[in-house]
């Protein structure tokens, strides 16, 4: 396959997405990947905080020019406006790349990419990776209304109808779709785990237990719950790894509450996240109970399990499809304090559950296996007939 991926962020950024892992795995399997990306931007969003590039054989980057006067200006609903404009401006470049590079498949993943859904002679794959309508409702805030959400719903339906293949990250999301859909969950890279384990420095025993979180600092993560638990457990250290729009609020809250047992590392390149996980005695998969969270299949869950760590998770609707008896659950501070105490009091049982989680994830949720499944399903498909 020759795959075109119109990304709506900078490829070499702090935000390591599902698509980085999947497309690199496909490139490693001999497929040719062309990534379109917008210009650089001064932004606190992890999507645009750039890091040193790591070249991948078979993966090529193409910058889409966007007028600087527009791209560097701040607008109301800035994120939505720029995503839509960039996707429209991408159409001409996508058509050119499809023609000059012999593109066979285009991989799309969000509503603003509707203008790219029917490139001539190209098979469209639409990856329904989040509850986009609920995310849009949040981004619009008080300006959310049935007219805008109805238009977004029609565009989403158009993308489903235009695709030869629809994939989705979770079973709960799949249940929302009235078209045929293939569930391709998230996972973990066996190569990255092997590399991390080979380069991990010796872990000195720490005097105090370490509970950790890794991921985006966004509205769907329940940091209030984490900080409440940290306040109740001054004998335990909490390490929060990541960055995002909620980061400044969390930093301020930690300072105001005098939580000296909470460390915030800021954003780190994905290659370093496993070193941070290695420090943790217990890992947190904690989300707010809202629709976009209930339908998620978090990458962090598989990365924690691959490092053989006990995991405490919110009771998300998708978890029964992933859990094979290795997760601990907590939705309240009382439950989480209890689970942390139980794990620390019986580390032998916790280790056994973590090892069971490791075996389950490495057998069913690796990016190498997910890429093979994508390849087997997508490669035989051809472009949608013209209508």
Protein backbone atom coordinates (compact mmCIF):
# COMPACT_ATOMS: atom_id res chain seq x y z
CA UNK A 1 0.00 0.00 0.00
CA UNK A 2 0.94 3.64 -0.54
CA UNK A 3 -0.87 5.45 2.25
CA UNK A 4 -1.60 9.17 2.46
CA UNK A 5 -2.26 10.47 5.98
CA UNK A 6 -3.42 14.10 6.26
CA UNK A 7 -2.41 14.86 9.84
CA UNK A 8 -3.86 17.94 11.55
CA UNK A 9 -0.81 18.47 13.79
CA UNK A 10 2.96 18.41 13.56
CA UNK A 11 4.22 14.86 13.15
CA UNK A 12 7.36 15.29 15.29
CA UNK A 13 5.62 16.67 18.38
CA UNK A 14 5.19 15.73 22.03
CA UNK A 15 1.79 14.23 21.25
CA UNK A 16 2.36 10.61 20.28
CA UNK A 17 -0.88 9.44 18.73
CA UNK A 18 -2.44 6.17 17.65
CA UNK A 19 -1.44 7.11 14.10
CA UNK A 20 2.26 7.42 14.85
CA UNK A 21 2.30 3.87 16.15
CA UNK A 22 0.10 2.37 13.42
CA UNK A 23 1.76 4.11 10.46
CA UNK A 24 5.31 3.44 11.67
CA UNK A 25 4.39 -0.23 12.12
CA UNK A 26 2.99 -0.26 8.56
CA UNK A 27 6.13 1.44 7.22
CA UNK A 28 8.22 -1.19 9.00
CA UNK A 29 6.18 -3.82 7.16
CA UNK A 30 7.24 -2.34 3.82
CA UNK A 31 4.33 -0.03 3.04
CA UNK A 32 4.96 3.53 1.86
CA UNK A 33 3.49 6.27 4.07
CA UNK A 34 3.10 9.93 3.13
CA UNK A 35 2.14 12.28 5.98
CA UNK A 36 0.77 15.75 5.25
CA UNK A 37 1.17 18.23 8.09
CA UNK A 38 0.36 21.92 8.74
CA UNK A 39 3.02 24.57 9.38
CA UNK A 40 4.65 25.00 12.76
CA UNK A 41 2.71 27.03 15.29
CA UNK A 42 3.46 28.71 18.59
CA UNK A 43 1.15 26.80 20.86
CA UNK A 44 1.06 25.13 24.26
CA UNK A 45 -0.81 22.20 22.73
CA UNK A 46 1.29 19.05 22.66
CA UNK A 47 0.28 18.60 19.00
CA UNK A 48 2.48 21.57 18.11
CA UNK A 49 5.30 21.34 20.67
CA UNK A 50 7.99 19.93 18.41
CA UNK A 51 10.78 17.54 19.32
CA UNK A 52 13.85 16.25 17.49
CA UNK A 53 12.78 14.25 14.42
CA UNK A 54 13.35 10.52 14.26
CA UNK A 55 13.37 9.43 10.59
CA UNK A 56 11.52 6.24 9.66
CA UNK A 57 12.36 4.41 6.45
CA UNK A 58 9.38 4.49 4.11
CA UNK A 59 7.64 7.40 5.91
CA UNK A 60 7.73 10.79 4.16
CA UNK A 61 6.58 14.20 5.47
CA UNK A 62 4.96 16.90 3.33
CA UNK A 63 4.25 20.40 4.67
CA UNK A 64 1.03 22.00 3.44
CA UNK A 65 1.53 25.75 2.99
CA UNK A 66 -0.97 27.89 4.87
CA UNK A 67 -0.81 31.72 4.73
CA UNK A 68 1.20 32.90 7.74
CA UNK A 69 -1.14 35.85 8.36
CA UNK A 70 -3.93 33.35 8.94
CA UNK A 71 -2.04 30.55 10.69
CA UNK A 72 -0.36 32.78 13.28
CA UNK A 73 -3.48 34.78 14.10
CA UNK A 74 -5.75 33.85 16.99
CA UNK A 75 -9.45 33.36 16.22
CA UNK A 76 -12.52 32.55 18.28
CA UNK A 77 -12.71 28.73 18.39
CA UNK A 78 -9.14 28.84 17.10
CA UNK A 79 -8.60 25.08 17.08
CA UNK A 80 -11.76 24.34 15.11
CA UNK A 81 -11.28 27.18 12.62
CA UNK A 82 -7.70 26.24 11.78
CA UNK A 83 -8.44 22.52 11.49
CA UNK A 84 -11.24 23.24 9.02
CA UNK A 85 -9.20 25.73 6.97
CA UNK A 86 -6.14 23.48 6.86
CA UNK A 87 -8.22 20.51 5.70
CA UNK A 88 -9.73 22.57 2.87
CA UNK A 89 -6.31 23.85 1.81
CA UNK A 90 -5.01 20.27 1.92
CA UNK A 91 -7.27 19.01 -0.85
CA UNK A 92 -5.18 20.31 -3.74
CA UNK A 93 -1.97 18.96 -2.21
CA UNK A 94 -3.60 15.61 -1.48
CA UNK A 95 -4.73 15.31 -5.10
CA UNK A 96 -1.22 16.15 -6.31
CA UNK A 97 0.41 13.61 -3.99
CA UNK A 98 -2.14 10.96 -4.95
CA UNK A 99 -1.23 11.51 -8.60
CA UNK A 100 2.56 11.86 -8.31
CA UNK A 101 3.18 9.25 -5.58
CA UNK A 102 0.69 6.64 -6.78
CA UNK A 103 -1.29 6.75 -3.51
CA UNK A 104 -3.59 3.75 -3.07
CA UNK A 105 -5.17 4.55 0.31
CA UNK A 106 -5.97 7.69 2.29
CA UNK A 107 -6.43 7.40 6.06
CA UNK A 108 -8.76 10.01 7.58
CA UNK A 109 -9.70 10.45 11.21
CA UNK A 110 -11.79 13.54 11.92
CA UNK A 111 -14.80 15.54 10.72
CA UNK A 112 -12.87 18.52 9.23
CA UNK A 113 -11.29 16.08 6.77
CA UNK A 114 -14.59 15.53 4.95
CA UNK A 115 -13.29 17.43 1.85
CA UNK A 116 -10.65 14.68 1.48
CA UNK A 117 -13.08 11.76 1.67
CA UNK A 118 -13.32 11.12 -2.07
CA UNK A 119 -9.91 11.57 -3.69
CA UNK A 120 -10.06 10.25 -7.27
CA UNK A 121 -8.74 6.72 -7.64
CA UNK A 122 -7.88 6.37 -3.93
CA UNK A 123 -9.39 3.99 -1.35
CA UNK A 124 -10.65 5.93 1.67
CA UNK A 125 -10.21 4.48 5.17
CA UNK A 126 -11.97 6.37 7.95
CA UNK A 127 -10.75 5.73 11.49
CA UNK A 128 -13.46 6.70 13.97
CA UNK A 129 -11.15 7.07 16.95
CA UNK A 130 -13.15 9.31 19.31
CA UNK A 131 -16.68 10.50 19.96
CA UNK A 132 -16.21 13.53 17.70
CA UNK A 133 -19.65 15.02 18.26
CA UNK A 134 -19.19 15.01 22.02
CA UNK A 135 -15.72 16.53 21.61
CA UNK A 136 -17.16 19.23 19.35
CA UNK A 137 -19.88 19.93 21.92
CA UNK A 138 -17.16 20.54 24.51
CA UNK A 139 -15.02 22.74 22.21
CA UNK A 140 -18.04 24.92 21.32
CA UNK A 141 -19.04 25.29 24.97
CA UNK A 142 -21.97 27.67 25.39
CA UNK A 143 -22.10 28.15 21.62
CA UNK A 144 -22.99 24.51 21.10
CA UNK A 145 -26.38 24.22 19.42
CA UNK A 146 -28.45 21.66 17.47
CA UNK A 147 -27.76 23.39 14.13
CA UNK A 148 -23.96 23.14 14.35
CA UNK A 149 -24.02 19.67 15.86
CA UNK A 150 -26.52 18.56 13.21
CA UNK A 151 -24.22 19.82 10.43
CA UNK A 152 -21.27 18.02 12.04
CA UNK A 153 -23.37 14.86 12.26
CA UNK A 154 -24.15 15.06 8.53
CA UNK A 155 -20.45 15.49 7.68
CA UNK A 156 -19.61 12.54 9.91
CA UNK A 157 -22.22 10.42 8.15
CA UNK A 158 -20.77 11.51 4.79
CA UNK A 159 -17.35 10.25 5.87
CA UNK A 160 -18.81 6.90 6.91
CA UNK A 161 -20.59 6.58 3.55
CA UNK A 162 -17.53 7.64 1.53
CA UNK A 163 -15.15 5.14 3.13
CA UNK A 164 -14.43 1.70 1.76
CA UNK A 165 -13.33 0.72 5.27
CA UNK A 166 -14.36 2.16 8.64
CA UNK A 167 -12.24 1.27 11.64
CA UNK A 168 -12.75 2.31 15.23
CA UNK A 169 -10.79 2.20 18.45
CA UNK A 170 -13.43 0.70 20.73
CA UNK A 171 -16.42 -1.63 20.78
CA UNK A 172 -18.53 1.05 22.46
CA UNK A 173 -17.86 3.47 19.60
CA UNK A 174 -18.56 0.73 17.07
CA UNK A 175 -22.02 0.26 18.55
CA UNK A 176 -22.85 3.87 17.58
CA UNK A 177 -22.14 3.32 13.88
CA UNK A 178 -24.87 2.02 11.57
CA UNK A 179 -22.34 1.10 8.87
CA UNK A 180 -20.02 -1.93 8.83
CA UNK A 181 -17.06 -1.20 11.10
CA UNK A 182 -13.89 -3.01 12.14
CA UNK A 183 -12.59 -2.58 15.70
CA UNK A 184 -8.84 -1.95 15.79
CA UNK A 185 -7.95 -1.16 19.38
CA UNK A 186 -4.88 0.70 20.56
CA UNK A 187 -1.79 -1.15 21.69
CA UNK A 188 1.90 -1.00 22.47
CA UNK A 189 5.04 -1.40 20.37
CA UNK A 190 7.06 -4.49 21.24
CA UNK A 191 10.12 -2.81 19.71
CA UNK A 192 9.79 0.19 22.02
CA UNK A 193 9.29 -2.01 25.06
CA UNK A 194 12.38 -4.04 24.17
CA UNK A 195 14.42 -0.87 23.59
CA UNK A 196 13.22 0.68 26.85
CA UNK A 197 14.03 -2.42 28.87
CA UNK A 198 17.48 -2.59 27.28
CA UNK A 199 18.28 1.03 28.19
CA UNK A 200 16.57 1.34 31.55
CA UNK A 201 19.01 2.43 34.25
CA UNK A 202 19.00 0.36 37.43
CA UNK A 203 15.98 1.30 39.52
CA UNK A 204 17.12 1.99 43.07
CA UNK A 205 14.56 1.03 45.71
CA UNK A 206 12.60 4.11 46.71
CA UNK A 207 11.66 4.76 50.29
CA UNK A 208 8.14 5.92 49.44
CA UNK A 209 5.63 4.30 47.07
CA UNK A 210 5.14 6.03 43.71
CA UNK A 211 1.74 6.30 42.03
CA UNK A 212 1.90 7.64 38.48
CA UNK A 213 -0.19 9.04 35.65
CA UNK A 214 0.92 9.39 32.03
CA UNK A 215 -0.99 11.21 29.31
CA UNK A 216 -2.60 14.39 28.06
CA UNK A 217 -3.63 17.09 30.51
CA UNK A 218 -7.07 17.59 29.00
CA UNK A 219 -10.63 18.07 30.21
CA UNK A 220 -11.45 14.36 30.07
CA UNK A 221 -8.83 13.36 32.67
CA UNK A 222 -10.03 13.50 36.30
CA UNK A 223 -7.15 15.37 37.87
CA UNK A 224 -9.39 16.53 40.72
CA UNK A 225 -9.75 12.90 41.77
CA UNK A 226 -6.00 12.31 41.55
CA UNK A 227 -5.17 15.40 43.60
CA UNK A 228 -7.82 14.57 46.21
CA UNK A 229 -6.20 11.16 46.66
CA UNK A 230 -2.73 12.71 46.83
CA UNK A 231 -3.95 15.06 49.58
CA UNK A 232 -5.23 12.08 51.57
CA UNK A 233 -2.03 10.05 51.11
CA UNK A 234 0.93 12.27 52.10
CA UNK A 235 3.04 9.14 52.59
CA UNK A 236 2.80 8.33 48.86
CA UNK A 237 4.45 10.20 45.98
CA UNK A 238 2.41 11.02 42.88
CA UNK A 239 4.20 11.57 39.54
CA UNK A 240 2.12 13.13 36.74
CA UNK A 241 3.75 12.92 33.31
CA UNK A 242 2.42 14.94 30.40
CA UNK A 243 1.22 18.29 29.19
CA UNK A 244 -1.89 19.87 27.72
CA UNK A 245 -4.47 22.60 28.11
CA UNK A 246 -5.26 21.64 31.72
CA UNK A 247 -1.62 21.58 32.81
CA UNK A 248 -1.48 25.16 34.14
CA UNK A 249 -4.62 24.61 36.22
CA UNK A 250 -3.20 21.42 37.72
CA UNK A 251 0.11 23.15 38.54
CA UNK A 252 -1.79 25.97 40.25
CA UNK A 253 -3.99 23.55 42.17
CA UNK A 254 -0.96 21.58 43.41
CA UNK A 255 0.65 24.80 44.64
CA UNK A 256 -2.53 26.14 46.30
CA UNK A 257 -3.12 22.87 48.14
CA UNK A 258 0.54 22.55 49.16
CA UNK A 259 0.83 19.04 47.73
CA UNK A 260 4.54 18.45 48.19
CA UNK A 261 4.09 14.78 47.29
CA UNK A 262 2.98 15.62 43.73
CA UNK A 263 5.59 15.95 40.97
CA UNK A 264 4.71 17.22 37.49
CA UNK A 265 7.32 16.41 34.86
CA UNK A 266 5.76 18.31 31.96
CA UNK A 267 5.65 16.85 28.48
CA UNK A 268 8.24 14.27 27.49
CA UNK A 269 9.03 12.60 24.13
CA UNK A 270 7.33 9.24 23.71
CA UNK A 271 10.68 7.46 23.69
CA UNK A 272 11.12 8.49 27.34
CA UNK A 273 7.70 7.57 28.72
CA UNK A 274 8.65 4.00 29.55
CA UNK A 275 11.49 5.22 31.77
CA UNK A 276 8.92 7.23 33.74
CA UNK A 277 6.53 4.26 33.96
CA UNK A 278 9.42 2.14 35.28
CA UNK A 279 9.58 4.45 38.34
CA UNK A 280 5.94 3.85 39.21
CA UNK A 281 4.70 1.23 41.65
CA UNK A 282 1.07 1.80 40.58
CA UNK A 283 -0.27 3.40 37.39
CA UNK A 284 -3.49 5.38 36.97
CA UNK A 285 -5.94 5.24 34.06
CA UNK A 286 -8.31 7.87 35.47
CA UNK A 287 -10.95 9.66 33.38
CA UNK A 288 -13.96 11.86 34.00
CA UNK A 289 -17.22 9.96 33.47
CA UNK A 290 -18.29 11.69 30.25
CA UNK A 291 -19.20 10.19 26.84
CA UNK A 292 -15.84 10.80 25.14
CA UNK A 293 -14.11 8.96 28.00
CA UNK A 294 -16.58 6.08 28.23
CA UNK A 295 -15.91 5.25 24.58
CA UNK A 296 -12.13 5.55 24.76
CA UNK A 297 -9.49 2.85 24.57
CA UNK A 298 -6.48 4.61 26.15
CA UNK A 299 -3.00 3.89 24.82
CA UNK A 300 -1.55 4.44 28.30
CA UNK A 301 -3.39 1.36 29.55
CA UNK A 302 -1.38 -0.93 27.24
CA UNK A 303 1.89 0.86 27.92
CA UNK A 304 1.42 0.47 31.67
CA UNK A 305 0.60 -3.23 31.26
CA UNK A 306 3.60 -3.81 28.98
CA UNK A 307 5.83 -2.52 31.78
CA UNK A 308 4.22 -5.04 34.18
CA UNK A 309 2.61 -2.48 36.47
CA UNK A 310 -0.54 -2.72 38.60
CA UNK A 311 -3.19 -0.45 37.05
CA UNK A 312 -6.08 1.34 38.72
CA UNK A 313 -8.71 2.45 36.19
CA UNK A 314 -11.96 4.34 36.15
CA UNK A 315 -14.89 2.06 35.26
CA UNK A 316 -15.13 3.10 31.61
CA UNK A 317 -17.66 1.38 29.34
CA UNK A 318 -14.90 0.00 27.10
CA UNK A 319 -12.87 -1.57 29.89
CA UNK A 320 -14.77 -4.92 30.00
CA UNK A 321 -13.70 -5.45 26.38
CA UNK A 322 -10.02 -5.04 27.32
CA UNK A 323 -9.72 -6.27 30.89
CA UNK A 324 -8.91 -9.94 31.46
CA UNK A 325 -9.00 -9.66 35.24
CA UNK A 326 -5.80 -7.65 35.69
CA UNK A 327 -7.25 -4.18 36.33
CA UNK A 328 -8.18 -2.61 39.67
CA UNK A 329 -11.12 -0.18 39.58
CA UNK A 330 -11.86 3.08 41.39
CA UNK A 331 -14.29 5.89 40.62
CA UNK A 332 -14.06 7.82 43.90
CA UNK A 333 -11.26 8.97 46.17
CA UNK A 334 -12.36 6.48 48.83
CA UNK A 335 -12.13 3.62 46.33
CA UNK A 336 -8.78 4.77 44.97
CA UNK A 337 -7.21 5.19 48.40
CA UNK A 338 -8.46 1.70 49.25
CA UNK A 339 -7.08 0.17 46.05
CA UNK A 340 -3.68 1.82 46.50
CA UNK A 341 -3.48 0.60 50.09
CA UNK A 342 -4.53 -2.92 49.06
CA UNK A 343 -1.90 -3.10 46.30
CA UNK A 344 0.88 -1.83 48.57
CA UNK A 345 -0.16 -4.25 51.32
CA UNK A 346 -0.05 -7.31 49.04
CA UNK A 347 2.59 -6.68 46.41
CA UNK A 348 2.87 -10.38 45.54
CA UNK A 349 -0.75 -10.57 44.40
CA UNK A 350 -0.41 -7.22 42.62
CA UNK A 351 2.66 -8.48 40.79
CA UNK A 352 0.82 -11.62 39.68
CA UNK A 353 -2.07 -9.53 38.30
CA UNK A 354 0.38 -7.21 36.55
CA UNK A 355 2.13 -10.18 34.94
CA UNK A 356 -1.24 -11.51 33.76
CA UNK A 357 -1.94 -8.08 32.24
CA UNK A 358 1.44 -8.11 30.51
CA UNK A 359 0.79 -11.51 28.95
CA UNK A 360 -2.70 -10.50 27.81
CA UNK A 361 -1.57 -7.24 26.22
CA UNK A 362 1.47 -8.74 24.49
CA UNK A 363 -0.72 -11.50 23.06
CA UNK A 364 -3.56 -9.30 21.79
CA UNK A 365 -2.65 -5.61 21.78
CA UNK A 366 0.65 -4.94 20.02
CA UNK A 367 0.98 -2.39 17.23
CA UNK A 368 2.75 -4.98 15.11
CA UNK A 369 -0.33 -7.23 15.26
CA UNK A 370 -2.71 -4.29 14.79
CA UNK A 371 -0.77 -3.23 11.67
CA UNK A 372 -1.06 -6.77 10.29
CA UNK A 373 -4.83 -6.67 10.84
CA UNK A 374 -5.09 -3.28 9.15
CA UNK A 375 -3.01 -4.53 6.24
CA UNK A 376 -5.09 -7.68 5.78
CA UNK A 377 -8.32 -5.67 5.76
CA UNK A 378 -7.31 -2.54 3.82
CA UNK A 379 -4.77 -3.75 1.27
CA UNK A 380 -7.25 -5.69 -0.94
CA UNK A 381 -9.65 -2.72 -1.18
CA UNK A 382 -9.83 -0.36 -4.13
CA UNK A 383 -11.28 3.12 -4.55
CA UNK A 384 -14.97 3.74 -4.07
CA UNK A 385 -16.73 3.89 -7.47
CA UNK A 386 -17.59 7.42 -8.58
CA UNK A 387 -21.15 8.52 -7.73
